[in-house]
Structures are given as C-alpha cells and as structure tokens.
Amino acid sequence: MKDRKAELERKSKETEIKAKLNIDGKGTTHIKTHIGILDHMLELFAFHGHFDLDLEVKKADFEIDIHHTNEDVGIVLGKIFKDALGEKQGIRRFGVGFAPMESTLGRTVMDISGRGYLKMQAGQHGVIWPTVTEQENYSMKHLEHFLESFAHGLGATVNIFIENPDEDLHTNLETVFKSLGLALDQATQIDPRRKGSIPSTKGIID
C-alpha cells in the first residue's frame, strides 16, 4: 500500500501553519498551536486515531483573539488528511466513534464523501453552550468553528452528538476529540474487499 503521508504549509495574513501527517502511524504527536487546550485535544485525537501528527502555528494574530488561529488549524488539519488520502482508494469511507467521560458521551459519525458538512448537537434539546464554562478563552463556539473548518477542509460529512453534556468544557471537548479520532481512524482504514477501488457508485470522491 502506498504511504499515506502528507506535508502542508498554509500562509495567510493572519496565520502561518505547518503540518505533517502519517495516517498509518502510532499516534505520536508534536503539536504547538499556542492554544493550550487545543494542543491537548489534538494530541488525544491523534493518539486514539493512531495518526502521527506534527502541527505548529508559526505565526498568529493573537493580539486580536484566537478565532483565526483556531479556525485555520481546523482547515489545515482537514486539508492534510485530504491530501494524504489522495483518491481515497479502498477506504471504508464511513466511521463511527464513541468516547465516554463520566456521564458525558461523545458520538461522532462521519462520511468522507467529498462534501463538507458539520452537524453538532449537545443534549437532547439542542444547543446548551451558554451553560458551559469557558477555559483558556476557548468555548463550545470555538469547537464548532474548528470542526466546521475541519469538515470542509477534509470534504466530509461529520455529525457529532454530546449526550449528557457537562458544564465543564474540558469534559465535553475530550469526548468529542476522542470520538472524532476513533471515527476517522475507522473511516480511513483500508477495506480489503474494495481491492483499491474508490468507495462510491460514482467512481470518484472529490
């Protein structure tokens, strides 16, 4: 099987980000976004997905806020997975991941379909973000922006549900990033029954 690796450097007026990925890795990481809680979550994501991931923010407009950096890291992460997957020959394409933390459960269901879309819901009655504390200036809204950027960068439909969301932001984030890593690991695995073919009736995923 061809190595599923990629390197990416993205520069804008707001950020400069470098990344290196091996999908078929061991979960080793070197993450430096300068957003401490995001660094930790990306380490969890890569560890549980068995992805080797180096990602460093070389420049950022933190004098304004963390919005652009958070969003652009999501874009870079999605794009580097898309680059490493190439034409997506033989992948399972669909993935499901569950990750509990105490009474909170994160569930991610995804389809690497070529169409970027995010649906995120917390609790049975939808959005509960106002009741969740912020941490290190990070919030549930930042999480949504990150995941939306990731989904569009990768070209994947991503549905995330947080059952029994906690008032503590860290708990919610852990269940999401762990379940995302598990789901993406499953979706990117090679299905021997596909024999290198593209998993779409159209014959292409773009």
C-alpha atoms as a PDB file:
ATOM      1  CA  MET A   1       0.000   0.000   0.000  1.00  0.00           C
ATOM      2  CA  LYS A   2       1.246   3.470  -0.866  1.00  0.00           C
ATOM      3  CA  ASP A   3       2.358   5.544   2.111  1.00  0.00           C
ATOM      4  CA  ARG A   4      -0.492   7.766   3.195  1.00  0.00           C
ATOM      5  CA  LYS A   5       1.537  10.748   4.279  1.00  0.00           C
ATOM      6  CA  ALA A   6       1.384  14.468   3.577  1.00  0.00           C
ATOM      7  CA  GLU A   7       3.022  17.754   4.460  1.00  0.00           C
ATOM      8  CA  LEU A   8       1.305  21.105   4.274  1.00  0.00           C
ATOM      9  CA  GLU A   9       2.154  24.738   4.876  1.00  0.00           C
ATOM     10  CA  ARG A  10      -0.600  27.343   4.828  1.00  0.00           C
ATOM     11  CA  LYS A  11       0.098  31.063   4.973  1.00  0.00           C
ATOM     12  CA  SER A  12      -2.379  33.902   5.227  1.00  0.00           C
ATOM     13  CA  LYS A  13      -2.275  37.465   6.508  1.00  0.00           C
ATOM     14  CA  GLU A  14      -3.498  36.133   9.839  1.00  0.00           C
ATOM     15  CA  THR A  15      -1.701  32.829  10.382  1.00  0.00           C
ATOM     16  CA  GLU A  16       1.142  30.638   9.210  1.00  0.00           C
ATOM     17  CA  ILE A  17       0.772  26.924   9.940  1.00  0.00           C
ATOM     18  CA  LYS A  18       2.933  23.909   9.103  1.00  0.00           C
ATOM     19  CA  ALA A  19       1.766  20.316   9.417  1.00  0.00           C
ATOM     20  CA  LYS A  20       2.982  16.792   8.722  1.00  0.00           C
ATOM     21  CA  LEU A  21       0.800  13.661   8.838  1.00  0.00           C
ATOM     22  CA  ASN A  22       1.103   9.906   8.598  1.00  0.00           C
ATOM     23  CA  ILE A  23      -2.364   8.329   8.654  1.00  0.00           C
ATOM     24  CA  ASP A  24      -0.925   4.863   9.310  1.00  0.00           C
ATOM     25  CA  GLY A  25       1.122   5.863  12.307  1.00  0.00           C
ATOM     26  CA  LYS A  26       1.323   5.081  16.005  1.00  0.00           C
ATOM     27  CA  GLY A  27      -0.284   8.184  17.466  1.00  0.00           C
ATOM     28  CA  THR A  28       2.888  10.199  18.051  1.00  0.00           C
ATOM     29  CA  THR A  29       2.491  13.966  18.034  1.00  0.00           C
ATOM     30  CA  HIS A  30       4.220  17.297  18.158  1.00  0.00           C
ATOM     31  CA  ILE A  31       1.512  19.927  18.499  1.00  0.00           C
ATOM     32  CA  LYS A  32       2.102  23.624  19.091  1.00  0.00           C
ATOM     33  CA  THR A  33      -0.903  25.808  18.269  1.00  0.00           C
ATOM     34  CA  HIS A  34      -0.231  28.119  21.256  1.00  0.00           C
ATOM     35  CA  ILE A  35      -3.795  27.375  22.382  1.00  0.00           C
ATOM     36  CA  GLY A  36      -3.068  25.023  25.262  1.00  0.00           C
ATOM     37  CA  ILE A  37      -6.396  23.245  25.462  1.00  0.00           C
ATOM     38  CA  LEU A  38      -6.477  22.727  21.678  1.00  0.00           C
ATOM     39  CA  ASP A  39      -2.960  21.242  21.773  1.00  0.00           C
ATOM     40  CA  HIS A  40      -4.128  18.723  24.359  1.00  0.00           C
ATOM     41  CA  MET A  41      -7.262  17.815  22.391  1.00  0.00           C
ATOM     42  CA  LEU A  42      -5.331  17.298  19.149  1.00  0.00           C
ATOM     43  CA  GLU A  43      -2.915  15.017  20.992  1.00  0.00           C
ATOM     44  CA  LEU A  44      -5.885  12.929  22.179  1.00  0.00           C
ATOM     45  CA  PHE A  45      -7.396  12.925  18.679  1.00  0.00           C
ATOM     46  CA  ALA A  46      -4.181  11.692  17.063  1.00  0.00           C
ATOM     47  CA  PHE A  47      -3.346   9.174  19.788  1.00  0.00           C
ATOM     48  CA  HIS A  48      -6.700   7.427  19.648  1.00  0.00           C
ATOM     49  CA  GLY A  49      -6.773   7.605  15.844  1.00  0.00           C
ATOM     50  CA  HIS A  50      -3.213   6.200  15.563  1.00  0.00           C
ATOM     51  CA  PHE A  51      -2.175   9.201  13.451  1.00  0.00           C
ATOM     52  CA  ASP A  52       1.358  10.613  13.568  1.00  0.00           C
ATOM     53  CA  LEU A  53       0.794  14.354  13.527  1.00  0.00           C
ATOM     54  CA  ASP A  54       3.150  17.322  13.694  1.00  0.00           C
ATOM     55  CA  LEU A  55       1.393  20.690  13.653  1.00  0.00           C
ATOM     56  CA  GLU A  56       2.866  24.057  14.504  1.00  0.00           C
ATOM     57  CA  VAL A  57       1.445  27.558  14.309  1.00  0.00           C
ATOM     58  CA  LYS A  58       4.400  29.682  13.230  1.00  0.00           C
ATOM     59  CA  LYS A  59       2.503  32.996  13.166  1.00  0.00           C
ATOM     60  CA  ALA A  60      -0.854  34.095  14.540  1.00  0.00           C
ATOM     61  CA  ASP A  61      -2.848  37.250  15.265  1.00  0.00           C
ATOM     62  CA  PHE A  62      -3.347  36.525  18.960  1.00  0.00           C
ATOM     63  CA  GLU A  63      -3.306  40.244  19.645  1.00  0.00           C
ATOM     64  CA  ILE A  64      -6.871  40.183  18.301  1.00  0.00           C
ATOM     65  CA  ASP A  65      -8.120  36.820  19.624  1.00  0.00           C
ATOM     66  CA  ILE A  66      -7.813  33.075  18.988  1.00  0.00           C
ATOM     67  CA  HIS A  67     -10.589  32.913  16.371  1.00  0.00           C
ATOM     68  CA  HIS A  68      -8.481  32.896  13.198  1.00  0.00           C
ATOM     69  CA  THR A  69      -5.874  30.515  14.593  1.00  0.00           C
ATOM     70  CA  ASN A  70      -8.470  28.037  15.844  1.00  0.00           C
ATOM     71  CA  GLU A  71     -10.306  28.133  12.522  1.00  0.00           C
ATOM     72  CA  ASP A  72      -7.168  27.887  10.387  1.00  0.00           C
ATOM     73  CA  VAL A  73      -5.815  24.933  12.365  1.00  0.00           C
ATOM     74  CA  GLY A  74      -9.090  23.167  11.564  1.00  0.00           C
ATOM     75  CA  ILE A  75      -8.681  23.980   7.875  1.00  0.00           C
ATOM     76  CA  VAL A  76      -5.092  22.702   7.818  1.00  0.00           C
ATOM     77  CA  LEU A  77      -5.982  19.508   9.657  1.00  0.00           C
ATOM     78  CA  GLY A  78      -8.783  18.732   7.221  1.00  0.00           C
ATOM     79  CA  LYS A  79      -6.708  19.534   4.150  1.00  0.00           C
ATOM     80  CA  ILE A  80      -3.717  17.457   5.204  1.00  0.00           C
ATOM     81  CA  PHE A  81      -5.933  14.410   5.723  1.00  0.00           C
ATOM     82  CA  LYS A  82      -7.480  15.031   2.318  1.00  0.00           C
ATOM     83  CA  ASP A  83      -4.012  15.260   0.737  1.00  0.00           C
ATOM     84  CA  ALA A  84      -2.783  12.089   2.464  1.00  0.00           C
ATOM     85  CA  LEU A  85      -5.860  10.123   1.349  1.00  0.00           C
ATOM     86  CA  GLY A  86      -5.343  11.024  -2.300  1.00  0.00           C
ATOM     87  CA  GLU A  87      -8.070   9.482  -4.448  1.00  0.00           C
ATOM     88  CA  LYS A  88      -9.336   7.588  -1.373  1.00  0.00           C
ATOM     89  CA  GLN A  89      -8.944   4.197  -2.992  1.00  0.00           C
ATOM     90  CA  GLY A  90     -10.020   1.305  -0.792  1.00  0.00           C
ATOM     91  CA  ILE A  91     -11.008   3.293   2.281  1.00  0.00           C
ATOM     92  CA  ARG A  92     -14.014   2.309   4.343  1.00  0.00           C
ATOM     93  CA  ARG A  93     -15.245   5.906   3.980  1.00  0.00           C
ATOM     94  CA  PHE A  94     -17.739   5.719   6.878  1.00  0.00           C
ATOM     95  CA  GLY A  95     -16.706   5.824  10.523  1.00  0.00           C
ATOM     96  CA  VAL A  96     -18.337   5.833  13.944  1.00  0.00           C
ATOM     97  CA  GLY A  97     -16.695   6.624  17.274  1.00  0.00           C
ATOM     98  CA  PHE A  98     -17.947   6.708  20.878  1.00  0.00           C
ATOM     99  CA  ALA A  99     -15.995   8.162  23.796  1.00  0.00           C
ATOM    100  CA  PRO A 100     -17.362   8.467  27.345  1.00  0.00           C
ATOM    101  CA  MET A 101     -16.086  10.572  30.199  1.00  0.00           C
ATOM    102  CA  GLU A 102     -18.024  10.075  33.410  1.00  0.00           C
ATOM    103  CA  SER A 103     -21.689  10.652  32.480  1.00  0.00           C
ATOM    104  CA  THR A 104     -20.889  12.515  29.253  1.00  0.00           C
ATOM    105  CA  LEU A 105     -20.738  10.633  25.973  1.00  0.00           C
ATOM    106  CA  GLY A 106     -19.356  11.938  22.696  1.00  0.00           C
ATOM    107  CA  ARG A 107     -20.504  10.294  19.477  1.00  0.00           C
ATOM    108  CA  THR A 108     -19.075  11.036  16.029  1.00  0.00           C
ATOM    109  CA  VAL A 109     -20.483   9.630  12.798  1.00  0.00           C
ATOM    110  CA  MET A 110     -18.732  10.603   9.585  1.00  0.00           C
ATOM    111  CA  ASP A 111     -18.657  10.020   5.842  1.00  0.00           C
ATOM    112  CA  ILE A 112     -15.634  11.035   3.773  1.00  0.00           C
ATOM    113  CA  SER A 113     -17.928  11.907   0.908  1.00  0.00           C
ATOM    114  CA  GLY A 114     -16.217  14.907  -0.672  1.00  0.00           C
ATOM    115  CA  ARG A 115     -18.940  17.156   0.762  1.00  0.00           C
ATOM    116  CA  GLY A 116     -18.009  19.233   3.778  1.00  0.00           C
ATOM    117  CA  TYR A 117     -20.783  19.497   6.347  1.00  0.00           C
ATOM    118  CA  LEU A 118     -20.983  19.668  10.141  1.00  0.00           C
ATOM    119  CA  LYS A 119     -23.906  18.994  12.446  1.00  0.00           C
ATOM    120  CA  MET A 120     -23.143  19.316  16.158  1.00  0.00           C
ATOM    121  CA  GLN A 121     -25.714  18.891  18.895  1.00  0.00           C
ATOM    122  CA  ALA A 122     -25.282  18.880  22.649  1.00  0.00           C
ATOM    123  CA  GLY A 123     -28.055  17.455  24.818  1.00  0.00           C
ATOM    124  CA  GLN A 124     -31.484  16.232  23.829  1.00  0.00           C
ATOM    125  CA  HIS A 125     -32.809  19.728  23.296  1.00  0.00           C
ATOM    126  CA  GLY A 126     -30.017  21.034  21.118  1.00  0.00           C
ATOM    127  CA  VAL A 127     -27.530  23.762  21.947  1.00  0.00           C
ATOM    128  CA  ILE A 128     -26.652  24.259  25.624  1.00  0.00           C
ATOM    129  CA  TRP A 129     -23.487  26.332  25.149  1.00  0.00           C
ATOM    130  CA  PRO A 130     -24.457  29.199  27.485  1.00  0.00           C
ATOM    131  CA  THR A 131     -24.299  26.769  30.444  1.00  0.00           C
ATOM    132  CA  VAL A 132     -20.795  25.501  29.580  1.00  0.00           C
ATOM    133  CA  THR A 133     -17.849  27.310  31.134  1.00  0.00           C
ATOM    134  CA  GLU A 134     -15.041  28.756  29.008  1.00  0.00           C
ATOM    135  CA  GLN A 135     -11.451  27.635  29.546  1.00  0.00           C
ATOM    136  CA  GLU A 136      -8.311  29.425  28.330  1.00  0.00           C
ATOM    137  CA  ASN A 137     -10.622  31.662  26.271  1.00  0.00           C
ATOM    138  CA  TYR A 138     -11.861  28.531  24.473  1.00  0.00           C
ATOM    139  CA  SER A 139     -15.565  27.767  24.215  1.00  0.00           C
ATOM    140  CA  MET A 140     -18.100  25.439  22.621  1.00  0.00           C
ATOM    141  CA  LYS A 141     -18.491  28.003  19.854  1.00  0.00           C
ATOM    142  CA  HIS A 142     -14.765  27.755  19.128  1.00  0.00           C
ATOM    143  CA  LEU A 143     -15.177  23.973  18.990  1.00  0.00           C
ATOM    144  CA  GLU A 144     -17.952  24.320  16.429  1.00  0.00           C
ATOM    145  CA  HIS A 145     -15.867  26.659  14.267  1.00  0.00           C
ATOM    146  CA  PHE A 146     -12.888  24.290  14.454  1.00  0.00           C
ATOM    147  CA  LEU A 147     -14.945  21.237  13.471  1.00  0.00           C
ATOM    148  CA  GLU A 148     -16.714  23.070  10.661  1.00  0.00           C
ATOM    149  CA  SER A 149     -13.355  24.143   9.213  1.00  0.00           C
ATOM    150  CA  PHE A 150     -12.044  20.594   9.556  1.00  0.00           C
ATOM    151  CA  ALA A 151     -15.091  19.043   7.860  1.00  0.00           C
ATOM    152  CA  HIS A 152     -14.881  21.414   4.909  1.00  0.00           C
ATOM    153  CA  GLY A 153     -11.098  21.039   4.601  1.00  0.00           C
ATOM    154  CA  LEU A 154     -11.376  17.250   4.503  1.00  0.00           C
ATOM    155  CA  GLY A 155     -14.572  17.129   2.476  1.00  0.00           C
ATOM    156  CA  ALA A 156     -16.523  15.038   4.978  1.00  0.00           C
ATOM    157  CA  THR A 157     -19.970  14.973   6.468  1.00  0.00           C
ATOM    158  CA  VAL A 158     -19.465  14.992  10.232  1.00  0.00           C
ATOM    159  CA  ASN A 159     -22.264  14.513  12.754  1.00  0.00           C
ATOM    160  CA  ILE A 160     -21.353  14.955  16.414  1.00  0.00           C
ATOM    161  CA  PHE A 161     -23.653  14.477  19.399  1.00  0.00           C
ATOM    162  CA  ILE A 162     -22.743  15.107  23.030  1.00  0.00           C
ATOM    163  CA  GLU A 163     -25.007  13.169  25.366  1.00  0.00           C
ATOM    164  CA  ASN A 164     -25.374  14.491  28.926  1.00  0.00           C
ATOM    165  CA  PRO A 165     -23.068  17.461  28.266  1.00  0.00           C
ATOM    166  CA  ASP A 166     -21.093  18.652  31.259  1.00  0.00           C
ATOM    167  CA  GLU A 167     -20.795  22.235  32.465  1.00  0.00           C
ATOM    168  CA  ASP A 168     -17.036  21.729  32.342  1.00  0.00           C
ATOM    169  CA  LEU A 169     -15.740  22.498  28.851  1.00  0.00           C
ATOM    170  CA  HIS A 170     -12.778  20.122  29.127  1.00  0.00           C
ATOM    171  CA  THR A 171     -15.048  17.108  29.642  1.00  0.00           C
ATOM    172  CA  ASN A 172     -17.124  17.875  26.554  1.00  0.00           C
ATOM    173  CA  LEU A 173     -14.059  18.520  24.411  1.00  0.00           C
ATOM    174  CA  GLU A 174     -12.402  15.243  25.401  1.00  0.00           C
ATOM    175  CA  THR A 175     -15.414  13.172  24.401  1.00  0.00           C
ATOM    176  CA  VAL A 176     -15.608  14.970  21.049  1.00  0.00           C
ATOM    177  CA  PHE A 177     -11.937  14.792  20.049  1.00  0.00           C
ATOM    178  CA  LYS A 178     -11.525  11.185  21.164  1.00  0.00           C
ATOM    179  CA  SER A 179     -14.652  10.071  19.312  1.00  0.00           C
ATOM    180  CA  LEU A 180     -13.559  12.047  16.255  1.00  0.00           C
ATOM    181  CA  GLY A 181     -10.189  10.296  16.240  1.00  0.00           C
ATOM    182  CA  LEU A 182     -11.827   6.886  16.580  1.00  0.00           C
ATOM    183  CA  ALA A 183     -14.331   7.606  13.795  1.00  0.00           C
ATOM    184  CA  LEU A 184     -11.694   8.977  11.426  1.00  0.00           C
ATOM    185  CA  ASP A 185      -9.414   6.007  12.087  1.00  0.00           C
ATOM    186  CA  GLN A 186     -12.260   3.692  11.101  1.00  0.00           C
ATOM    187  CA  ALA A 187     -13.232   5.727   8.037  1.00  0.00           C
ATOM    188  CA  THR A 188      -9.664   5.868   6.701  1.00  0.00           C
ATOM    189  CA  GLN A 189      -8.932   2.165   7.181  1.00  0.00           C
ATOM    190  CA  ILE A 190      -8.458   0.099   4.037  1.00  0.00           C
ATOM    191  CA  ASP A 191     -11.264  -2.364   3.306  1.00  0.00           C
ATOM    192  CA  PRO A 192      -9.682  -5.414   1.592  1.00  0.00           C
ATOM    193  CA  ARG A 193     -12.980  -6.096  -0.176  1.00  0.00           C
ATOM    194  CA  ARG A 194     -12.608  -2.866  -2.155  1.00  0.00           C
ATOM    195  CA  LYS A 195      -9.332  -4.023  -3.753  1.00  0.00           C
ATOM    196  CA  GLY A 196      -8.140  -0.466  -4.323  1.00  0.00           C
ATOM    197  CA  SER A 197     -11.367   0.814  -5.844  1.00  0.00           C
ATOM    198  CA  ILE A 198     -12.959   4.108  -4.854  1.00  0.00           C
ATOM    199  CA  PRO A 199     -15.871   3.563  -2.442  1.00  0.00           C
ATOM    200  CA  SER A 200     -18.516   5.422  -4.416  1.00  0.00           C
ATOM    201  CA  THR A 201     -21.020   4.380  -7.065  1.00  0.00           C
ATOM    202  CA  LYS A 202     -19.896   7.473  -8.975  1.00  0.00           C
ATOM    203  CA  GLY A 203     -16.357   6.121  -9.161  1.00  0.00           C
ATOM    204  CA  ILE A 204     -14.942   9.323  -7.690  1.00  0.00           C
ATOM    205  CA  ILE A 205     -14.879  11.233  -4.416  1.00  0.00           C
ATOM    206  CA  ASP A 206     -13.765  14.806  -4.945  1.00  0.00           C
END
